[in-house]
Amino acid sequence: MMVNRIVFGLILIFLSSFNSFSQNPWVLKKDAKAIKIYTRPLADIPFDEYKAVTTVETSIDEVLKELLEAPKYYENCPSEISYLVKSINPNQHLFYVHKTFPWPIKDRDIITLLTVEKLSDKKIKLYLESAPNEIPEKNKTIRIKNLMGYWLLEEENNKTMVTQQLYLNPEGTLPPFIVNKLLVKGPYKTFSVLQELKNKSS
């Protein structure tokens, strides 16, 4: 399911981003295949943030559907797939992702609260924040506790401009310089998958 790979992009390469108080300018790091990736440092935080932008050749409803669709969570969920823990209400949903890493890096998991706000018929914002206490922590797995960001969907002429901005602290002892180097590769892969949505409506 495509949405699993899209949501999994949050943890796949340990992305970083949203902080409304950051005053540093965005720096364009990659511009290829209609995908633009920007990064910038945050004050007093070792992990950079990123912003990714692309346009998908389908409606805003189709993009929203893909971002919200996921199988139900259960205790022994396989790694690298996003699962719906529960829907709190029609506009708030909890998702769980577990990522397995090769030794000596410890596995990570994260529970994300996604809140949908319809700004207009052609503009929707999905806020992302961590909800680390919704599921008991697992053995030999580091729970990511600090995440904040959003998806912004803006439709025009049956095409949807998608922006994702996200801050994530991977916890543990991963060196920030390694995490920051991956901020282009991770979102670029995620948005390349997202662009496949155009095939659904063609």
N, C-alpha and C. Protein backbone atom coordinates (compact mmCIF):
# COMPACT_ATOMS: atom_id res chain seq x y z
N MET A 1 0.84 -1.19 0.00
CA MET A 1 0.00 0.00 0.00
C MET A 1 0.88 1.25 0.00
N MET A 2 0.60 2.16 -0.92
CA MET A 2 1.47 3.33 -1.08
C MET A 2 1.54 4.19 0.17
N VAL A 3 0.41 4.33 0.88
CA VAL A 3 0.42 5.19 2.05
C VAL A 3 1.41 4.70 3.10
N ASN A 4 1.64 3.39 3.19
CA ASN A 4 2.60 2.88 4.15
C ASN A 4 3.98 3.45 3.90
N ARG A 5 4.36 3.53 2.63
CA ARG A 5 5.67 4.07 2.30
C ARG A 5 5.71 5.57 2.54
N ILE A 6 4.59 6.26 2.27
CA ILE A 6 4.55 7.71 2.46
C ILE A 6 4.70 8.06 3.93
N VAL A 7 3.86 7.45 4.78
CA VAL A 7 3.93 7.75 6.21
C VAL A 7 5.25 7.25 6.79
N PHE A 8 5.72 6.11 6.29
CA PHE A 8 6.98 5.56 6.76
C PHE A 8 8.14 6.50 6.47
N GLY A 9 7.96 7.39 5.50
CA GLY A 9 9.00 8.37 5.21
C GLY A 9 9.32 9.26 6.39
N LEU A 10 8.39 9.36 7.34
CA LEU A 10 8.64 10.15 8.54
C LEU A 10 9.79 9.60 9.36
N ILE A 11 9.93 8.28 9.34
CA ILE A 11 10.94 7.66 10.19
C ILE A 11 12.05 7.01 9.38
N LEU A 12 11.82 6.81 8.10
CA LEU A 12 12.73 6.07 7.24
C LEU A 12 14.16 6.57 7.31
N ILE A 13 14.35 7.86 7.14
CA ILE A 13 15.70 8.41 7.13
C ILE A 13 15.88 9.42 8.26
N PHE A 14 14.98 9.43 9.23
CA PHE A 14 15.01 10.36 10.35
C PHE A 14 15.03 11.81 9.88
N LEU A 15 13.88 12.22 9.38
CA LEU A 15 13.70 13.56 8.90
C LEU A 15 13.64 14.56 10.04
N SER A 16 13.74 15.86 9.72
CA SER A 16 13.61 16.90 10.72
C SER A 16 12.95 18.11 10.12
N SER A 17 12.05 18.81 10.97
CA SER A 17 11.66 20.08 10.45
C SER A 17 10.86 21.04 11.25
N PHE A 18 9.65 21.21 11.26
CA PHE A 18 8.84 22.36 11.61
C PHE A 18 9.14 23.02 12.95
N ASN A 19 9.45 24.30 12.90
CA ASN A 19 9.62 25.12 14.09
C ASN A 19 9.30 26.55 13.70
N SER A 20 8.12 27.04 14.12
CA SER A 20 7.65 28.35 13.66
C SER A 20 8.51 29.49 14.16
N PHE A 21 9.37 29.25 15.14
CA PHE A 21 10.20 30.31 15.70
C PHE A 21 11.57 30.39 15.02
N SER A 22 11.86 29.45 14.14
CA SER A 22 13.15 29.48 13.46
C SER A 22 13.18 30.61 12.45
N GLN A 23 14.26 31.41 12.47
CA GLN A 23 14.38 32.54 11.58
C GLN A 23 15.40 32.29 10.47
N ASN A 24 16.03 31.14 10.46
CA ASN A 24 17.03 30.84 9.45
C ASN A 24 16.36 30.65 8.09
N PRO A 25 16.98 31.14 7.01
CA PRO A 25 16.38 30.98 5.68
C PRO A 25 16.48 29.54 5.19
N TRP A 26 15.52 29.16 4.35
CA TRP A 26 15.57 27.85 3.72
C TRP A 26 16.65 27.84 2.66
N VAL A 27 17.33 26.71 2.52
CA VAL A 27 18.34 26.52 1.48
C VAL A 27 17.90 25.36 0.58
N LEU A 28 17.77 25.63 -0.72
CA LEU A 28 17.37 24.59 -1.66
C LEU A 28 18.51 23.59 -1.82
N LYS A 29 18.25 22.32 -1.49
CA LYS A 29 19.27 21.29 -1.55
C LYS A 29 19.09 20.34 -2.73
N LYS A 30 17.87 20.23 -3.23
CA LYS A 30 17.62 19.34 -4.38
C LYS A 30 16.42 19.84 -5.15
N ASP A 31 16.55 19.87 -6.47
CA ASP A 31 15.46 20.27 -7.36
C ASP A 31 15.50 19.33 -8.55
N ALA A 32 14.68 18.27 -8.52
CA ALA A 32 14.71 17.26 -9.56
C ALA A 32 13.35 16.61 -9.69
N LYS A 33 12.94 16.35 -10.91
CA LYS A 33 11.68 15.64 -11.19
C LYS A 33 10.49 16.30 -10.49
N ALA A 34 10.46 17.64 -10.53
CA ALA A 34 9.37 18.44 -9.96
C ALA A 34 9.28 18.32 -8.44
N ILE A 35 10.36 17.93 -7.80
CA ILE A 35 10.41 17.86 -6.34
C ILE A 35 11.50 18.80 -5.85
N LYS A 36 11.16 19.66 -4.90
CA LYS A 36 12.14 20.56 -4.31
C LYS A 36 12.28 20.24 -2.82
N ILE A 37 13.53 20.13 -2.38
CA ILE A 37 13.82 19.83 -0.98
C ILE A 37 14.66 20.97 -0.41
N TYR A 38 14.19 21.53 0.71
CA TYR A 38 14.90 22.61 1.39
C TYR A 38 15.28 22.14 2.80
N THR A 39 16.37 22.66 3.33
CA THR A 39 16.72 22.41 4.72
C THR A 39 17.16 23.72 5.37
N ARG A 40 17.14 23.74 6.69
CA ARG A 40 17.68 24.87 7.44
C ARG A 40 17.97 24.43 8.86
N PRO A 41 18.98 25.03 9.48
CA PRO A 41 19.28 24.70 10.88
C PRO A 41 18.30 25.39 11.81
N LEU A 42 18.14 24.81 12.99
CA LEU A 42 17.31 25.38 14.04
C LEU A 42 18.19 25.90 15.16
N ALA A 43 17.77 26.96 15.78
CA ALA A 43 18.54 27.54 16.88
C ALA A 43 18.60 26.58 18.07
N ASP A 44 19.81 26.32 18.54
CA ASP A 44 20.05 25.52 19.75
C ASP A 44 19.58 24.07 19.62
N ILE A 45 19.41 23.58 18.40
CA ILE A 45 19.02 22.19 18.15
C ILE A 45 19.98 21.61 17.12
N PRO A 46 20.58 20.44 17.39
CA PRO A 46 21.59 19.91 16.48
C PRO A 46 21.04 19.34 15.18
N PHE A 47 19.74 19.03 15.13
CA PHE A 47 19.16 18.42 13.94
C PHE A 47 18.48 19.48 13.07
N ASP A 48 18.80 19.48 11.77
CA ASP A 48 18.18 20.43 10.84
C ASP A 48 16.72 20.06 10.60
N GLU A 49 16.00 21.00 10.03
CA GLU A 49 14.64 20.72 9.59
C GLU A 49 14.59 20.72 8.07
N TYR A 50 13.53 20.18 7.51
CA TYR A 50 13.42 20.18 6.06
C TYR A 50 12.01 20.55 5.63
N LYS A 51 11.92 20.95 4.37
CA LYS A 51 10.63 21.20 3.72
C LYS A 51 10.71 20.61 2.31
N ALA A 52 9.69 19.87 1.93
CA ALA A 52 9.64 19.26 0.60
C ALA A 52 8.36 19.71 -0.09
N VAL A 53 8.48 19.98 -1.40
CA VAL A 53 7.34 20.49 -2.16
C VAL A 53 7.28 19.78 -3.52
N THR A 54 6.08 19.38 -3.92
CA THR A 54 5.86 18.85 -5.25
C THR A 54 4.41 19.06 -5.64
N THR A 55 4.09 18.82 -6.89
CA THR A 55 2.71 18.88 -7.36
C THR A 55 2.31 17.51 -7.88
N VAL A 56 1.17 17.03 -7.42
CA VAL A 56 0.67 15.70 -7.80
C VAL A 56 -0.51 15.89 -8.73
N GLU A 57 -0.56 15.13 -9.80
CA GLU A 57 -1.59 15.29 -10.82
C GLU A 57 -2.85 14.53 -10.45
N THR A 58 -3.42 14.91 -9.33
CA THR A 58 -4.69 14.34 -8.90
C THR A 58 -5.36 15.31 -7.93
N SER A 59 -6.57 14.99 -7.52
CA SER A 59 -7.33 15.90 -6.67
C SER A 59 -6.84 15.89 -5.23
N ILE A 60 -7.21 16.91 -4.50
CA ILE A 60 -6.84 17.01 -3.09
C ILE A 60 -7.48 15.88 -2.28
N ASP A 61 -8.67 15.45 -2.66
CA ASP A 61 -9.34 14.37 -1.94
C ASP A 61 -8.58 13.05 -2.10
N GLU A 62 -8.02 12.83 -3.27
CA GLU A 62 -7.27 11.60 -3.52
C GLU A 62 -5.98 11.57 -2.69
N VAL A 63 -5.31 12.71 -2.60
CA VAL A 63 -4.09 12.79 -1.79
C VAL A 63 -4.42 12.57 -0.32
N LEU A 64 -5.47 13.24 0.15
CA LEU A 64 -5.88 13.09 1.55
C LEU A 64 -6.23 11.64 1.86
N LYS A 65 -6.93 11.00 0.98
CA LYS A 65 -7.32 9.60 1.18
C LYS A 65 -6.09 8.72 1.36
N GLU A 66 -5.07 8.93 0.55
CA GLU A 66 -3.86 8.13 0.64
C GLU A 66 -3.11 8.37 1.95
N LEU A 67 -3.10 9.61 2.41
CA LEU A 67 -2.38 9.93 3.64
C LEU A 67 -3.06 9.35 4.87
N LEU A 68 -4.36 9.16 4.79
CA LEU A 68 -5.11 8.67 5.95
C LEU A 68 -5.35 7.17 5.94
N GLU A 69 -5.18 6.54 4.81
CA GLU A 69 -5.51 5.11 4.70
C GLU A 69 -4.35 4.25 5.21
N ALA A 70 -4.65 3.34 6.12
CA ALA A 70 -3.63 2.44 6.67
C ALA A 70 -4.33 1.27 7.34
N PRO A 71 -3.69 0.11 7.40
CA PRO A 71 -4.30 -1.04 8.09
C PRO A 71 -4.37 -0.80 9.60
N LYS A 72 -5.17 -1.59 10.28
CA LYS A 72 -5.32 -1.47 11.73
C LYS A 72 -4.06 -1.95 12.45
N TYR A 73 -3.73 -1.29 13.53
CA TYR A 73 -2.57 -1.67 14.34
C TYR A 73 -2.88 -2.94 15.14
N TYR A 74 -1.89 -3.81 15.27
CA TYR A 74 -2.00 -4.94 16.18
C TYR A 74 -0.62 -5.18 16.81
N GLU A 75 -0.57 -6.00 17.84
CA GLU A 75 0.61 -6.08 18.70
C GLU A 75 1.88 -6.46 17.95
N ASN A 76 1.80 -7.40 17.02
CA ASN A 76 3.00 -7.87 16.32
C ASN A 76 3.06 -7.35 14.89
N CYS A 77 2.79 -6.07 14.71
CA CYS A 77 2.84 -5.48 13.38
C CYS A 77 4.24 -5.60 12.79
N PRO A 78 4.36 -5.93 11.51
CA PRO A 78 5.68 -5.97 10.89
C PRO A 78 6.31 -4.59 10.82
N SER A 79 7.62 -4.58 10.68
CA SER A 79 8.36 -3.33 10.64
C SER A 79 8.13 -2.60 9.33
N GLU A 80 8.35 -1.29 9.37
CA GLU A 80 8.40 -0.44 8.19
C GLU A 80 7.05 -0.25 7.51
N ILE A 81 5.97 -0.44 8.24
CA ILE A 81 4.64 -0.18 7.71
C ILE A 81 3.89 0.68 8.71
N SER A 82 3.17 1.68 8.21
CA SER A 82 2.38 2.54 9.09
C SER A 82 1.04 1.88 9.38
N TYR A 83 0.64 1.89 10.66
CA TYR A 83 -0.63 1.31 11.07
C TYR A 83 -1.49 2.34 11.80
N LEU A 84 -2.79 2.25 11.55
CA LEU A 84 -3.74 3.10 12.24
C LEU A 84 -4.00 2.52 13.63
N VAL A 85 -3.59 3.24 14.66
CA VAL A 85 -3.85 2.81 16.03
C VAL A 85 -5.32 3.00 16.35
N LYS A 86 -5.81 4.22 16.10
CA LYS A 86 -7.22 4.51 16.28
C LYS A 86 -7.55 5.87 15.70
N SER A 87 -8.81 6.08 15.40
CA SER A 87 -9.31 7.39 15.01
C SER A 87 -10.01 8.00 16.23
N ILE A 88 -9.49 9.10 16.71
CA ILE A 88 -10.06 9.77 17.87
C ILE A 88 -11.39 10.41 17.51
N ASN A 89 -11.42 11.01 16.34
CA ASN A 89 -12.64 11.57 15.75
C ASN A 89 -12.37 11.65 14.25
N PRO A 90 -13.33 12.11 13.44
CA PRO A 90 -13.11 12.12 11.99
C PRO A 90 -11.90 12.93 11.54
N ASN A 91 -11.42 13.83 12.39
CA ASN A 91 -10.30 14.69 11.99
C ASN A 91 -9.00 14.43 12.76
N GLN A 92 -8.99 13.43 13.62
CA GLN A 92 -7.78 13.12 14.38
C GLN A 92 -7.52 11.62 14.37
N HIS A 93 -6.27 11.27 14.00
CA HIS A 93 -5.93 9.86 13.84
C HIS A 93 -4.54 9.59 14.40
N LEU A 94 -4.37 8.44 15.02
CA LEU A 94 -3.08 8.02 15.57
C LEU A 94 -2.49 6.91 14.70
N PHE A 95 -1.23 7.09 14.29
CA PHE A 95 -0.53 6.11 13.48
C PHE A 95 0.72 5.62 14.21
N TYR A 96 1.04 4.34 13.98
CA TYR A 96 2.24 3.74 14.58
C TYR A 96 3.17 3.23 13.48
N VAL A 97 4.47 3.46 13.65
CA VAL A 97 5.48 2.92 12.73
C VAL A 97 6.63 2.36 13.55
N HIS A 98 7.12 1.19 13.16
CA HIS A 98 8.32 0.60 13.76
C HIS A 98 9.36 0.42 12.66
N LYS A 99 10.60 0.80 12.95
CA LYS A 99 11.68 0.67 11.98
C LYS A 99 12.79 -0.21 12.55
N THR A 100 13.14 -1.27 11.83
CA THR A 100 14.22 -2.16 12.23
C THR A 100 15.52 -1.70 11.59
N PHE A 101 16.57 -1.61 12.40
CA PHE A 101 17.88 -1.22 11.91
C PHE A 101 18.90 -2.32 12.15
N PRO A 102 19.93 -2.39 11.32
CA PRO A 102 20.98 -3.38 11.54
C PRO A 102 21.81 -3.03 12.78
N TRP A 103 22.30 -4.06 13.45
CA TRP A 103 23.18 -3.85 14.61
C TRP A 103 24.40 -3.01 14.18
N PRO A 104 24.88 -2.06 14.98
CA PRO A 104 24.54 -1.84 16.39
C PRO A 104 23.48 -0.76 16.62
N ILE A 105 22.83 -0.28 15.56
CA ILE A 105 21.81 0.76 15.72
C ILE A 105 20.54 0.14 16.27
N LYS A 106 19.99 0.75 17.30
CA LYS A 106 18.75 0.24 17.89
C LYS A 106 17.54 0.59 17.02
N ASP A 107 16.54 -0.31 17.06
CA ASP A 107 15.30 -0.04 16.36
C ASP A 107 14.62 1.20 16.94
N ARG A 108 13.81 1.85 16.12
CA ARG A 108 13.01 3.00 16.55
C ARG A 108 11.54 2.74 16.26
N ASP A 109 10.68 3.37 17.05
CA ASP A 109 9.26 3.42 16.70
C ASP A 109 8.70 4.77 17.08
N ILE A 110 7.54 5.07 16.54
CA ILE A 110 6.94 6.38 16.77
C ILE A 110 5.43 6.27 16.64
N ILE A 111 4.72 6.98 17.50
CA ILE A 111 3.27 7.14 17.37
C ILE A 111 3.01 8.59 17.01
N THR A 112 2.31 8.81 15.91
CA THR A 112 2.07 10.16 15.40
C THR A 112 0.59 10.49 15.45
N LEU A 113 0.27 11.64 16.02
CA LEU A 113 -1.09 12.17 16.00
C LEU A 113 -1.22 13.08 14.79
N LEU A 114 -2.15 12.75 13.92
CA LEU A 114 -2.40 13.54 12.72
C LEU A 114 -3.76 14.21 12.86
N THR A 115 -3.77 15.55 12.77
CA THR A 115 -5.00 16.33 12.90
C THR A 115 -5.29 17.04 11.59
N VAL A 116 -6.46 16.80 11.03
CA VAL A 116 -6.84 17.37 9.74
C VAL A 116 -7.64 18.65 9.95
N GLU A 117 -7.21 19.73 9.28
CA GLU A 117 -7.95 20.99 9.32
C GLU A 117 -8.27 21.41 7.88
N LYS A 118 -9.54 21.50 7.57
CA LYS A 118 -9.95 21.95 6.23
C LYS A 118 -10.02 23.46 6.22
N LEU A 119 -9.06 24.09 5.55
CA LEU A 119 -9.00 25.55 5.50
C LEU A 119 -9.97 26.12 4.46
N SER A 120 -10.19 25.34 3.39
CA SER A 120 -11.18 25.68 2.36
C SER A 120 -11.42 24.43 1.54
N ASP A 121 -12.29 24.52 0.52
CA ASP A 121 -12.55 23.36 -0.32
C ASP A 121 -11.30 22.91 -1.07
N LYS A 122 -10.34 23.80 -1.25
CA LYS A 122 -9.15 23.51 -2.03
C LYS A 122 -7.86 23.59 -1.21
N LYS A 123 -7.99 23.61 0.10
CA LYS A 123 -6.80 23.74 0.94
C LYS A 123 -7.00 23.00 2.26
N ILE A 124 -6.12 22.03 2.53
CA ILE A 124 -6.22 21.22 3.74
C ILE A 124 -4.84 21.14 4.39
N LYS A 125 -4.81 21.26 5.71
CA LYS A 125 -3.56 21.14 6.46
C LYS A 125 -3.68 19.99 7.43
N LEU A 126 -2.66 19.14 7.46
CA LEU A 126 -2.63 18.00 8.36
C LEU A 126 -1.47 18.19 9.33
N TYR A 127 -1.78 18.45 10.57
CA TYR A 127 -0.76 18.70 11.58
C TYR A 127 -0.24 17.38 12.14
N LEU A 128 1.06 17.29 12.35
CA LEU A 128 1.71 16.09 12.86
C LEU A 128 2.40 16.39 14.19
N GLU A 129 2.18 15.53 15.17
CA GLU A 129 2.89 15.64 16.43
C GLU A 129 3.03 14.26 17.05
N SER A 130 4.06 14.09 17.87
CA SER A 130 4.28 12.79 18.50
C SER A 130 3.31 12.58 19.64
N ALA A 131 2.93 11.32 19.84
CA ALA A 131 2.07 10.92 20.95
C ALA A 131 2.69 9.67 21.56
N PRO A 132 3.84 9.79 22.21
CA PRO A 132 4.65 8.63 22.60
C PRO A 132 4.04 7.72 23.65
N ASN A 133 3.03 8.18 24.37
CA ASN A 133 2.49 7.37 25.46
C ASN A 133 1.23 6.57 25.09
N GLU A 134 0.85 6.59 23.84
CA GLU A 134 -0.38 5.92 23.43
C GLU A 134 -0.24 4.40 23.40
N ILE A 135 0.98 3.90 23.23
CA ILE A 135 1.26 2.47 23.19
C ILE A 135 2.46 2.20 24.09
N PRO A 136 2.44 1.15 24.91
CA PRO A 136 3.60 0.85 25.76
C PRO A 136 4.87 0.69 24.93
N GLU A 137 5.98 1.14 25.48
CA GLU A 137 7.26 1.02 24.77
C GLU A 137 7.66 -0.45 24.66
N LYS A 138 8.37 -0.76 23.58
CA LYS A 138 8.78 -2.13 23.31
C LYS A 138 10.23 -2.35 23.70
N ASN A 139 10.58 -3.58 24.03
CA ASN A 139 11.95 -3.92 24.38
C ASN A 139 12.88 -3.70 23.19
N LYS A 140 14.07 -3.22 23.49
CA LYS A 140 15.13 -3.03 22.49
C LYS A 140 14.71 -2.08 21.37
N THR A 141 13.79 -1.19 21.67
CA THR A 141 13.31 -0.22 20.68
C THR A 141 13.26 1.16 21.31
N ILE A 142 13.86 2.14 20.65
CA ILE A 142 13.84 3.52 21.14
C ILE A 142 12.58 4.22 20.64
N ARG A 143 11.81 4.74 21.56
CA ARG A 143 10.59 5.46 21.21
C ARG A 143 10.93 6.92 20.89
N ILE A 144 10.59 7.35 19.69
CA ILE A 144 10.79 8.75 19.30
C ILE A 144 9.70 9.59 19.95
N LYS A 145 10.12 10.62 20.67
CA LYS A 145 9.17 11.40 21.47
C LYS A 145 8.99 12.83 20.97
N ASN A 146 9.85 13.28 20.08
CA ASN A 146 9.83 14.68 19.68
C ASN A 146 9.67 14.80 18.17
N LEU A 147 8.46 15.07 17.73
CA LEU A 147 8.14 15.26 16.32
C LEU A 147 7.07 16.33 16.20
N MET A 148 7.23 17.22 15.24
CA MET A 148 6.21 18.22 14.97
C MET A 148 6.33 18.68 13.52
N GLY A 149 5.22 18.84 12.87
CA GLY A 149 5.26 19.28 11.47
C GLY A 149 3.88 19.27 10.86
N TYR A 150 3.83 19.23 9.53
CA TYR A 150 2.53 19.24 8.86
C TYR A 150 2.67 18.82 7.41
N TRP A 151 1.54 18.42 6.83
CA TRP A 151 1.34 18.32 5.39
C TRP A 151 0.40 19.47 5.01
N LEU A 152 0.66 20.13 3.89
CA LEU A 152 -0.23 21.15 3.36
C LEU A 152 -0.61 20.76 1.94
N LEU A 153 -1.92 20.63 1.69
CA LEU A 153 -2.44 20.24 0.38
C LEU A 153 -3.22 21.40 -0.21
N GLU A 154 -2.87 21.79 -1.43
CA GLU A 154 -3.51 22.93 -2.09
C GLU A 154 -3.85 22.54 -3.53
N GLU A 155 -5.15 22.47 -3.83
CA GLU A 155 -5.58 22.03 -5.16
C GLU A 155 -5.87 23.19 -6.09
N GLU A 156 -5.46 23.01 -7.34
CA GLU A 156 -5.79 23.97 -8.40
C GLU A 156 -5.80 23.22 -9.72
N ASN A 157 -6.90 23.35 -10.47
CA ASN A 157 -7.04 22.70 -11.78
C ASN A 157 -6.81 21.19 -11.69
N ASN A 158 -7.39 20.57 -10.68
CA ASN A 158 -7.31 19.12 -10.47
C ASN A 158 -5.88 18.62 -10.26
N LYS A 159 -5.01 19.50 -9.86
CA LYS A 159 -3.67 19.13 -9.42
C LYS A 159 -3.49 19.62 -7.99
N THR A 160 -2.69 18.91 -7.23
CA THR A 160 -2.53 19.26 -5.81
C THR A 160 -1.06 19.51 -5.49
N MET A 161 -0.78 20.73 -5.02
CA MET A 161 0.56 21.03 -4.54
C MET A 161 0.67 20.50 -3.11
N VAL A 162 1.67 19.70 -2.86
CA VAL A 162 1.87 19.06 -1.56
C VAL A 162 3.15 19.60 -0.93
N THR A 163 3.03 20.09 0.29
CA THR A 163 4.19 20.56 1.05
C THR A 163 4.25 19.76 2.34
N GLN A 164 5.41 19.28 2.68
CA GLN A 164 5.60 18.63 3.97
C GLN A 164 6.75 19.33 4.70
N GLN A 165 6.51 19.68 5.95
CA GLN A 165 7.54 20.28 6.79
C GLN A 165 7.52 19.53 8.11
N LEU A 166 8.71 19.14 8.62
CA LEU A 166 8.73 18.22 9.75
C LEU A 166 10.00 18.36 10.57
N TYR A 167 9.85 18.38 11.89
CA TYR A 167 11.00 18.27 12.80
C TYR A 167 10.90 16.94 13.54
N LEU A 168 12.01 16.21 13.58
CA LEU A 168 12.03 14.93 14.29
C LEU A 168 13.38 14.73 14.93
N ASN A 169 13.38 14.40 16.22
CA ASN A 169 14.60 14.06 16.94
C ASN A 169 14.66 12.53 17.04
N PRO A 170 15.66 11.88 16.42
CA PRO A 170 15.68 10.42 16.40
C PRO A 170 16.05 9.77 17.73
N GLU A 171 16.39 10.57 18.74
CA GLU A 171 16.74 10.05 20.05
C GLU A 171 18.01 9.18 19.97
N GLY A 172 18.47 8.72 21.11
CA GLY A 172 19.64 7.85 21.13
C GLY A 172 20.93 8.61 20.86
N THR A 173 21.90 7.92 20.29
CA THR A 173 23.24 8.48 20.11
C THR A 173 23.62 8.67 18.65
N LEU A 174 22.64 8.69 17.74
CA LEU A 174 22.96 8.92 16.34
C LEU A 174 23.55 10.32 16.16
N PRO A 175 24.72 10.45 15.53
CA PRO A 175 25.35 11.76 15.34
C PRO A 175 24.51 12.68 14.47
N PRO A 176 24.29 13.93 14.90
CA PRO A 176 23.47 14.86 14.10
C PRO A 176 23.99 15.05 12.68
N PHE A 177 25.30 15.03 12.47
CA PHE A 177 25.81 15.29 11.12
C PHE A 177 25.41 14.16 10.17
N ILE A 178 25.25 12.96 10.67
CA ILE A 178 24.80 11.86 9.83
C ILE A 178 23.32 12.00 9.52
N VAL A 179 22.53 12.30 10.55
CA VAL A 179 21.08 12.48 10.36
C VAL A 179 20.82 13.61 9.38
N ASN A 180 21.52 14.74 9.54
CA ASN A 180 21.28 15.90 8.69
C ASN A 180 21.63 15.63 7.23
N LYS A 181 22.61 14.79 6.98
CA LYS A 181 22.98 14.47 5.61
C LYS A 181 21.87 13.70 4.88
N LEU A 182 21.02 13.05 5.65
CA LEU A 182 19.97 12.23 5.06
C LEU A 182 18.66 12.98 4.81
N LEU A 183 18.66 14.28 5.14
CA LEU A 183 17.41 15.04 5.04
C LEU A 183 16.96 15.29 3.61
N VAL A 184 17.83 15.13 2.65
CA VAL A 184 17.44 15.26 1.25
C VAL A 184 16.97 13.92 0.70
N LYS A 185 17.71 12.87 0.98
CA LYS A 185 17.40 11.55 0.45
C LYS A 185 16.05 11.05 0.94
N GLY A 186 15.77 11.21 2.22
CA GLY A 186 14.53 10.72 2.80
C GLY A 186 13.28 11.32 2.18
N PRO A 187 13.10 12.65 2.27
CA PRO A 187 11.89 13.25 1.70
C PRO A 187 11.81 13.13 0.19
N TYR A 188 12.95 13.11 -0.50
CA TYR A 188 12.90 12.94 -1.96
C TYR A 188 12.31 11.58 -2.33
N LYS A 189 12.70 10.55 -1.60
CA LYS A 189 12.15 9.22 -1.85
C LYS A 189 10.65 9.19 -1.54
N THR A 190 10.27 9.81 -0.42
CA THR A 190 8.86 9.86 -0.03
C THR A 190 8.01 10.57 -1.08
N PHE A 191 8.48 11.70 -1.57
CA PHE A 191 7.70 12.47 -2.54
C PHE A 191 7.71 11.83 -3.92
N SER A 192 8.75 11.07 -4.25
CA SER A 192 8.75 10.32 -5.49
C SER A 192 7.64 9.28 -5.48
N VAL A 193 7.42 8.64 -4.33
CA VAL A 193 6.34 7.68 -4.18
C VAL A 193 4.99 8.40 -4.26
N LEU A 194 4.90 9.55 -3.62
CA LEU A 194 3.65 10.31 -3.62
C LEU A 194 3.23 10.69 -5.03
N GLN A 195 4.19 10.97 -5.90
CA GLN A 195 3.86 11.35 -7.27
C GLN A 195 3.20 10.22 -8.05
N GLU A 196 3.32 8.99 -7.59
CA GLU A 196 2.67 7.87 -8.26
C GLU A 196 1.15 7.97 -8.21
N LEU A 197 0.64 8.83 -7.35
CA LEU A 197 -0.82 8.99 -7.26
C LEU A 197 -1.42 9.43 -8.58
N LYS A 198 -0.66 10.12 -9.41
CA LYS A 198 -1.23 10.60 -10.68
C LYS A 198 -1.72 9.45 -11.54
N ASN A 199 -1.12 8.28 -11.36
CA ASN A 199 -1.53 7.12 -12.15
C ASN A 199 -2.93 6.63 -11.78
N LYS A 200 -3.37 6.94 -10.59
CA LYS A 200 -4.68 6.47 -10.13
C LYS A 200 -5.84 7.17 -10.84
N SER A 201 -5.62 8.43 -11.19
CA SER A 201 -6.72 9.19 -11.76
C SER A 201 -6.61 9.32 -13.27
N SER A 202 -5.59 8.69 -13.86
CA SER A 202 -5.41 8.81 -15.32
C SER A 202 -6.08 7.66 -16.05
